[in-house]
Amino acid sequence: MKKILIVDDDVDIIDLLEHRLKKSNYEVIFSSDGDKGVRKAVEQKPDLIIMDVMMPNMPGGEAVKLLKSVEVTRNIPVLFFTSINTYLPKGTDLNQINVDGQLYPAITKPFEPAKLLTVIKTLIGQ
């Protein structure tokens, strides 16, 4: 069973994602901020990290920079999960986020469960 780490400060989003992912046979672990998420990723070594962008203590972009600088987490795929598209012009589809010149896939909130699962399967299989 593939393990997915959800890093998000919104408890409702965590609950929703956890329900959807467990229903699709993924093991789910979670953290409520970027700093704790980095520590949990190093300890648990998930197969995928779903990372919110705007969080307390450490934003998602900073967390990903740290994760990519550590050997044990460097190769873990990251999927950004964000409501940042509310600040973009209507009709704009945010599907990637740039962190230090590296593009990472992104899903916007609210999300379509089928699209989320398709992206996850593309990133880690199963």
N, C-alpha and C. Protein backbone atom coordinates (compact mmCIF):
# COMPACT_ATOMS: atom_id res chain seq x y z
N MET A 1 0.85 -1.18 0.00
CA MET A 1 0.00 0.00 0.00
C MET A 1 0.90 1.24 0.00
N LYS A 2 0.65 2.14 -0.93
CA LYS A 2 1.43 3.38 -1.04
C LYS A 2 1.01 4.35 0.06
N LYS A 3 2.01 5.08 0.58
CA LYS A 3 1.78 6.01 1.68
C LYS A 3 1.83 7.45 1.16
N ILE A 4 0.81 8.24 1.52
CA ILE A 4 0.74 9.64 1.10
C ILE A 4 0.71 10.53 2.33
N LEU A 5 1.58 11.53 2.34
CA LEU A 5 1.62 12.53 3.40
C LEU A 5 0.87 13.77 2.92
N ILE A 6 -0.13 14.18 3.68
CA ILE A 6 -0.87 15.41 3.39
C ILE A 6 -0.36 16.48 4.35
N VAL A 7 0.08 17.61 3.82
CA VAL A 7 0.55 18.73 4.64
C VAL A 7 -0.36 19.91 4.33
N ASP A 8 -1.27 20.20 5.26
CA ASP A 8 -2.26 21.26 5.06
C ASP A 8 -2.74 21.75 6.41
N ASP A 9 -2.99 23.04 6.54
CA ASP A 9 -3.44 23.59 7.82
C ASP A 9 -4.95 23.60 7.96
N ASP A 10 -5.67 23.15 6.94
CA ASP A 10 -7.13 23.11 6.98
C ASP A 10 -7.60 21.69 7.33
N VAL A 11 -8.12 21.52 8.54
CA VAL A 11 -8.55 20.21 9.03
C VAL A 11 -9.62 19.59 8.14
N ASP A 12 -10.53 20.40 7.62
CA ASP A 12 -11.58 19.88 6.75
C ASP A 12 -10.99 19.30 5.46
N ILE A 13 -10.00 19.97 4.91
CA ILE A 13 -9.34 19.48 3.70
C ILE A 13 -8.62 18.16 3.99
N ILE A 14 -7.92 18.11 5.12
CA ILE A 14 -7.23 16.87 5.50
C ILE A 14 -8.24 15.73 5.61
N ASP A 15 -9.35 15.97 6.30
CA ASP A 15 -10.37 14.93 6.47
C ASP A 15 -10.92 14.46 5.12
N LEU A 16 -11.21 15.41 4.23
CA LEU A 16 -11.75 15.08 2.92
C LEU A 16 -10.75 14.27 2.10
N LEU A 17 -9.51 14.73 2.06
CA LEU A 17 -8.48 14.02 1.32
C LEU A 17 -8.23 12.63 1.91
N GLU A 18 -8.16 12.57 3.23
CA GLU A 18 -7.92 11.29 3.89
C GLU A 18 -9.01 10.28 3.51
N HIS A 19 -10.26 10.72 3.55
CA HIS A 19 -11.38 9.84 3.19
C HIS A 19 -11.25 9.34 1.74
N ARG A 20 -11.01 10.27 0.82
CA ARG A 20 -10.90 9.91 -0.60
C ARG A 20 -9.73 8.97 -0.86
N LEU A 21 -8.60 9.26 -0.23
CA LEU A 21 -7.41 8.46 -0.49
C LEU A 21 -7.49 7.07 0.14
N LYS A 22 -8.02 6.99 1.36
CA LYS A 22 -8.17 5.68 2.00
C LYS A 22 -9.14 4.81 1.20
N LYS A 23 -10.17 5.43 0.67
CA LYS A 23 -11.15 4.72 -0.15
C LYS A 23 -10.49 4.14 -1.41
N SER A 24 -9.41 4.76 -1.85
CA SER A 24 -8.66 4.30 -3.02
C SER A 24 -7.44 3.47 -2.63
N ASN A 25 -7.44 2.97 -1.39
CA ASN A 25 -6.39 2.07 -0.89
C ASN A 25 -5.01 2.68 -0.74
N TYR A 26 -4.96 3.94 -0.31
CA TYR A 26 -3.69 4.56 0.04
C TYR A 26 -3.62 4.68 1.55
N GLU A 27 -2.42 4.51 2.09
CA GLU A 27 -2.21 4.80 3.51
C GLU A 27 -2.01 6.31 3.61
N VAL A 28 -2.62 6.94 4.60
CA VAL A 28 -2.58 8.39 4.71
C VAL A 28 -2.01 8.81 6.06
N ILE A 29 -1.05 9.73 6.01
CA ILE A 29 -0.53 10.39 7.20
C ILE A 29 -0.65 11.88 6.93
N PHE A 30 -0.64 12.69 7.97
CA PHE A 30 -0.83 14.12 7.74
C PHE A 30 -0.10 14.97 8.75
N SER A 31 0.04 16.24 8.40
CA SER A 31 0.66 17.25 9.25
C SER A 31 -0.05 18.58 8.98
N SER A 32 -0.09 19.43 10.00
CA SER A 32 -0.84 20.67 9.89
C SER A 32 -0.01 21.90 9.51
N ASP A 33 1.32 21.74 9.36
CA ASP A 33 2.12 22.87 8.89
C ASP A 33 3.39 22.36 8.21
N GLY A 34 4.04 23.25 7.48
CA GLY A 34 5.20 22.87 6.69
C GLY A 34 6.36 22.34 7.50
N ASP A 35 6.65 22.96 8.64
CA ASP A 35 7.77 22.53 9.48
C ASP A 35 7.56 21.09 9.97
N LYS A 36 6.38 20.82 10.51
CA LYS A 36 6.07 19.47 10.98
C LYS A 36 6.00 18.49 9.80
N GLY A 37 5.52 18.97 8.67
CA GLY A 37 5.44 18.13 7.48
C GLY A 37 6.80 17.65 7.01
N VAL A 38 7.79 18.55 7.05
CA VAL A 38 9.15 18.17 6.67
C VAL A 38 9.66 17.08 7.61
N ARG A 39 9.48 17.28 8.90
CA ARG A 39 9.94 16.28 9.89
C ARG A 39 9.24 14.94 9.68
N LYS A 40 7.93 14.98 9.44
CA LYS A 40 7.17 13.74 9.24
C LYS A 40 7.63 13.03 7.96
N ALA A 41 7.92 13.78 6.91
CA ALA A 41 8.39 13.18 5.66
C ALA A 41 9.73 12.47 5.86
N VAL A 42 10.62 13.10 6.60
CA VAL A 42 11.93 12.49 6.88
C VAL A 42 11.75 11.21 7.69
N GLU A 43 10.87 11.24 8.68
CA GLU A 43 10.64 10.06 9.53
C GLU A 43 9.89 8.95 8.81
N GLN A 44 8.83 9.29 8.08
CA GLN A 44 7.92 8.29 7.50
C GLN A 44 8.23 7.89 6.06
N LYS A 45 8.99 8.70 5.34
CA LYS A 45 9.36 8.45 3.95
C LYS A 45 8.15 8.02 3.09
N PRO A 46 7.18 8.93 2.92
CA PRO A 46 6.00 8.59 2.12
C PRO A 46 6.34 8.43 0.64
N ASP A 47 5.41 7.86 -0.11
CA ASP A 47 5.59 7.70 -1.55
C ASP A 47 5.22 8.97 -2.31
N LEU A 48 4.43 9.85 -1.67
CA LEU A 48 3.99 11.11 -2.27
C LEU A 48 3.68 12.10 -1.15
N ILE A 49 3.93 13.37 -1.42
CA ILE A 49 3.57 14.43 -0.48
C ILE A 49 2.60 15.37 -1.18
N ILE A 50 1.43 15.57 -0.58
CA ILE A 50 0.47 16.56 -1.06
C ILE A 50 0.65 17.78 -0.16
N MET A 51 1.11 18.88 -0.74
CA MET A 51 1.56 20.05 0.03
C MET A 51 0.71 21.28 -0.27
N ASP A 52 0.14 21.86 0.78
CA ASP A 52 -0.54 23.15 0.65
C ASP A 52 0.52 24.22 0.43
N VAL A 53 0.14 25.34 -0.14
CA VAL A 53 1.09 26.42 -0.40
C VAL A 53 1.19 27.37 0.78
N MET A 54 0.05 27.87 1.23
CA MET A 54 0.05 28.88 2.30
C MET A 54 -0.32 28.22 3.63
N MET A 55 0.68 28.16 4.56
CA MET A 55 0.48 27.54 5.86
C MET A 55 1.27 28.30 6.92
N PRO A 56 0.89 28.12 8.18
CA PRO A 56 1.65 28.74 9.26
C PRO A 56 3.00 28.05 9.45
N ASN A 57 3.92 28.73 10.09
CA ASN A 57 5.25 28.25 10.46
C ASN A 57 6.21 28.06 9.28
N MET A 58 5.74 27.52 8.17
CA MET A 58 6.57 27.37 6.99
C MET A 58 5.67 27.15 5.77
N PRO A 59 5.74 28.05 4.79
CA PRO A 59 4.93 27.87 3.59
C PRO A 59 5.38 26.63 2.81
N GLY A 60 4.49 26.13 1.96
CA GLY A 60 4.76 24.92 1.20
C GLY A 60 6.01 24.99 0.34
N GLY A 61 6.24 26.12 -0.31
CA GLY A 61 7.44 26.26 -1.15
C GLY A 61 8.72 26.10 -0.36
N GLU A 62 8.77 26.69 0.83
CA GLU A 62 9.95 26.57 1.69
C GLU A 62 10.12 25.13 2.17
N ALA A 63 9.00 24.48 2.50
CA ALA A 63 9.05 23.08 2.93
C ALA A 63 9.61 22.20 1.82
N VAL A 64 9.17 22.43 0.58
CA VAL A 64 9.66 21.63 -0.54
C VAL A 64 11.15 21.87 -0.76
N LYS A 65 11.61 23.10 -0.62
CA LYS A 65 13.05 23.37 -0.76
C LYS A 65 13.84 22.53 0.24
N LEU A 66 13.36 22.48 1.49
CA LEU A 66 14.04 21.67 2.50
C LEU A 66 13.98 20.18 2.16
N LEU A 67 12.82 19.71 1.76
CA LEU A 67 12.66 18.30 1.42
C LEU A 67 13.60 17.89 0.28
N LYS A 68 13.76 18.75 -0.69
CA LYS A 68 14.61 18.43 -1.84
C LYS A 68 16.09 18.55 -1.51
N SER A 69 16.43 19.14 -0.37
CA SER A 69 17.84 19.27 0.04
C SER A 69 18.29 18.12 0.93
N VAL A 70 17.36 17.25 1.32
CA VAL A 70 17.67 16.13 2.21
C VAL A 70 17.66 14.84 1.41
N GLU A 71 18.70 14.03 1.56
CA GLU A 71 18.83 12.80 0.76
C GLU A 71 17.62 11.88 0.87
N VAL A 72 17.10 11.65 2.07
CA VAL A 72 16.01 10.66 2.24
C VAL A 72 14.68 11.11 1.64
N THR A 73 14.50 12.41 1.40
CA THR A 73 13.23 12.90 0.85
C THR A 73 13.38 13.52 -0.54
N ARG A 74 14.58 13.62 -1.03
CA ARG A 74 14.86 14.30 -2.30
C ARG A 74 14.03 13.78 -3.47
N ASN A 75 13.82 12.48 -3.53
CA ASN A 75 13.14 11.88 -4.68
C ASN A 75 11.66 11.60 -4.47
N ILE A 76 11.10 12.06 -3.37
CA ILE A 76 9.67 11.87 -3.13
C ILE A 76 8.90 12.88 -3.99
N PRO A 77 7.97 12.42 -4.82
CA PRO A 77 7.18 13.36 -5.63
C PRO A 77 6.32 14.27 -4.74
N VAL A 78 6.16 15.50 -5.19
CA VAL A 78 5.35 16.49 -4.48
C VAL A 78 4.23 16.95 -5.40
N LEU A 79 3.03 17.00 -4.84
CA LEU A 79 1.86 17.55 -5.53
C LEU A 79 1.36 18.71 -4.69
N PHE A 80 1.42 19.92 -5.25
CA PHE A 80 0.88 21.07 -4.51
C PHE A 80 -0.64 21.06 -4.59
N PHE A 81 -1.25 21.45 -3.49
CA PHE A 81 -2.70 21.48 -3.35
C PHE A 81 -3.03 22.85 -2.79
N THR A 82 -3.67 23.69 -3.59
CA THR A 82 -3.77 25.08 -3.18
C THR A 82 -5.06 25.77 -3.61
N SER A 83 -5.43 26.78 -2.86
CA SER A 83 -6.55 27.63 -3.24
C SER A 83 -6.04 28.94 -3.83
N ILE A 84 -4.76 28.99 -4.15
CA ILE A 84 -4.13 30.20 -4.66
C ILE A 84 -4.75 30.66 -5.98
N ASN A 85 -5.45 29.77 -6.69
CA ASN A 85 -6.06 30.15 -7.97
C ASN A 85 -7.16 31.20 -7.79
N THR A 86 -7.62 31.40 -6.57
CA THR A 86 -8.63 32.44 -6.34
C THR A 86 -8.07 33.83 -6.62
N TYR A 87 -6.74 33.94 -6.69
CA TYR A 87 -6.10 35.22 -6.97
C TYR A 87 -5.75 35.39 -8.44
N LEU A 88 -6.01 34.38 -9.24
CA LEU A 88 -5.69 34.43 -10.67
C LEU A 88 -6.90 34.89 -11.47
N PRO A 89 -6.68 35.38 -12.69
CA PRO A 89 -7.82 35.76 -13.54
C PRO A 89 -8.77 34.58 -13.76
N LYS A 90 -10.06 34.87 -13.81
CA LYS A 90 -11.07 33.82 -14.00
C LYS A 90 -10.77 33.01 -15.25
N GLY A 91 -10.88 31.70 -15.13
CA GLY A 91 -10.60 30.81 -16.26
C GLY A 91 -9.17 30.33 -16.32
N THR A 92 -8.28 30.89 -15.51
CA THR A 92 -6.89 30.45 -15.48
C THR A 92 -6.81 29.15 -14.70
N ASP A 93 -6.15 28.16 -15.27
CA ASP A 93 -6.01 26.86 -14.62
C ASP A 93 -4.58 26.72 -14.12
N LEU A 94 -4.41 26.72 -12.84
CA LEU A 94 -3.09 26.56 -12.24
C LEU A 94 -2.80 25.07 -12.14
N ASN A 95 -1.84 24.57 -12.92
CA ASN A 95 -1.53 23.15 -12.84
C ASN A 95 -0.08 22.86 -12.51
N GLN A 96 0.71 23.92 -12.27
CA GLN A 96 2.10 23.77 -11.85
C GLN A 96 2.49 24.93 -10.94
N ILE A 97 3.40 24.65 -10.03
CA ILE A 97 3.95 25.69 -9.16
C ILE A 97 5.47 25.63 -9.27
N ASN A 98 6.08 26.80 -9.42
CA ASN A 98 7.52 26.91 -9.58
C ASN A 98 8.17 27.13 -8.21
N VAL A 99 9.09 26.25 -7.86
CA VAL A 99 9.89 26.42 -6.64
C VAL A 99 11.35 26.35 -7.06
N ASP A 100 12.02 27.49 -7.00
CA ASP A 100 13.43 27.59 -7.39
C ASP A 100 13.71 27.04 -8.78
N GLY A 101 12.83 27.34 -9.73
CA GLY A 101 13.02 26.92 -11.11
C GLY A 101 12.55 25.50 -11.41
N GLN A 102 12.13 24.77 -10.40
CA GLN A 102 11.60 23.41 -10.59
C GLN A 102 10.08 23.49 -10.59
N LEU A 103 9.45 22.92 -11.61
CA LEU A 103 7.99 22.93 -11.68
C LEU A 103 7.42 21.66 -11.05
N TYR A 104 6.42 21.86 -10.18
CA TYR A 104 5.74 20.76 -9.50
C TYR A 104 4.27 20.79 -9.90
N PRO A 105 3.65 19.62 -10.06
CA PRO A 105 2.23 19.60 -10.40
C PRO A 105 1.39 20.20 -9.27
N ALA A 106 0.25 20.77 -9.65
CA ALA A 106 -0.62 21.41 -8.65
C ALA A 106 -2.08 21.08 -8.96
N ILE A 107 -2.84 20.93 -7.90
CA ILE A 107 -4.30 20.76 -7.97
C ILE A 107 -4.89 21.92 -7.16
N THR A 108 -5.92 22.54 -7.70
CA THR A 108 -6.52 23.67 -6.98
C THR A 108 -7.74 23.23 -6.19
N LYS A 109 -7.94 23.94 -5.07
CA LYS A 109 -9.11 23.73 -4.22
C LYS A 109 -10.19 24.69 -4.71
N PRO A 110 -11.42 24.30 -4.77
CA PRO A 110 -11.94 22.95 -4.55
C PRO A 110 -11.46 22.05 -5.68
N PHE A 111 -11.42 20.74 -5.41
CA PHE A 111 -10.84 19.82 -6.38
C PHE A 111 -11.85 18.79 -6.85
N GLU A 112 -11.54 18.21 -7.99
CA GLU A 112 -12.34 17.11 -8.52
C GLU A 112 -11.64 15.82 -8.10
N PRO A 113 -12.30 14.96 -7.33
CA PRO A 113 -11.66 13.73 -6.84
C PRO A 113 -11.05 12.88 -7.96
N ALA A 114 -11.73 12.76 -9.08
CA ALA A 114 -11.20 11.94 -10.18
C ALA A 114 -9.89 12.51 -10.71
N LYS A 115 -9.82 13.83 -10.82
CA LYS A 115 -8.60 14.47 -11.30
C LYS A 115 -7.46 14.27 -10.31
N LEU A 116 -7.75 14.40 -9.02
CA LEU A 116 -6.74 14.19 -7.98
C LEU A 116 -6.18 12.78 -8.08
N LEU A 117 -7.05 11.78 -8.17
CA LEU A 117 -6.60 10.39 -8.24
C LEU A 117 -5.81 10.12 -9.50
N THR A 118 -6.18 10.74 -10.61
CA THR A 118 -5.44 10.57 -11.86
C THR A 118 -4.02 11.11 -11.72
N VAL A 119 -3.89 12.29 -11.13
CA VAL A 119 -2.57 12.89 -10.95
C VAL A 119 -1.73 12.03 -10.00
N ILE A 120 -2.33 11.55 -8.92
CA ILE A 120 -1.60 10.70 -7.97
C ILE A 120 -1.11 9.43 -8.67
N LYS A 121 -1.96 8.80 -9.44
CA LYS A 121 -1.57 7.58 -10.15
C LYS A 121 -0.44 7.86 -11.14
N THR A 122 -0.47 9.03 -11.76
CA THR A 122 0.60 9.40 -12.68
C THR A 122 1.92 9.56 -11.91
N LEU A 123 1.86 10.13 -10.73
CA LEU A 123 3.08 10.39 -9.95
C LEU A 123 3.64 9.15 -9.28
N ILE A 124 2.77 8.26 -8.76
CA ILE A 124 3.28 7.12 -7.99
C ILE A 124 2.72 5.76 -8.38
N GLY A 125 1.81 5.72 -9.31
CA GLY A 125 1.22 4.44 -9.70
C GLY A 125 0.17 3.97 -8.73
N GLN A 126 -0.22 2.71 -8.88
CA GLN A 126 -1.22 2.00 -8.05
C GLN A 126 -2.59 2.25 -8.49
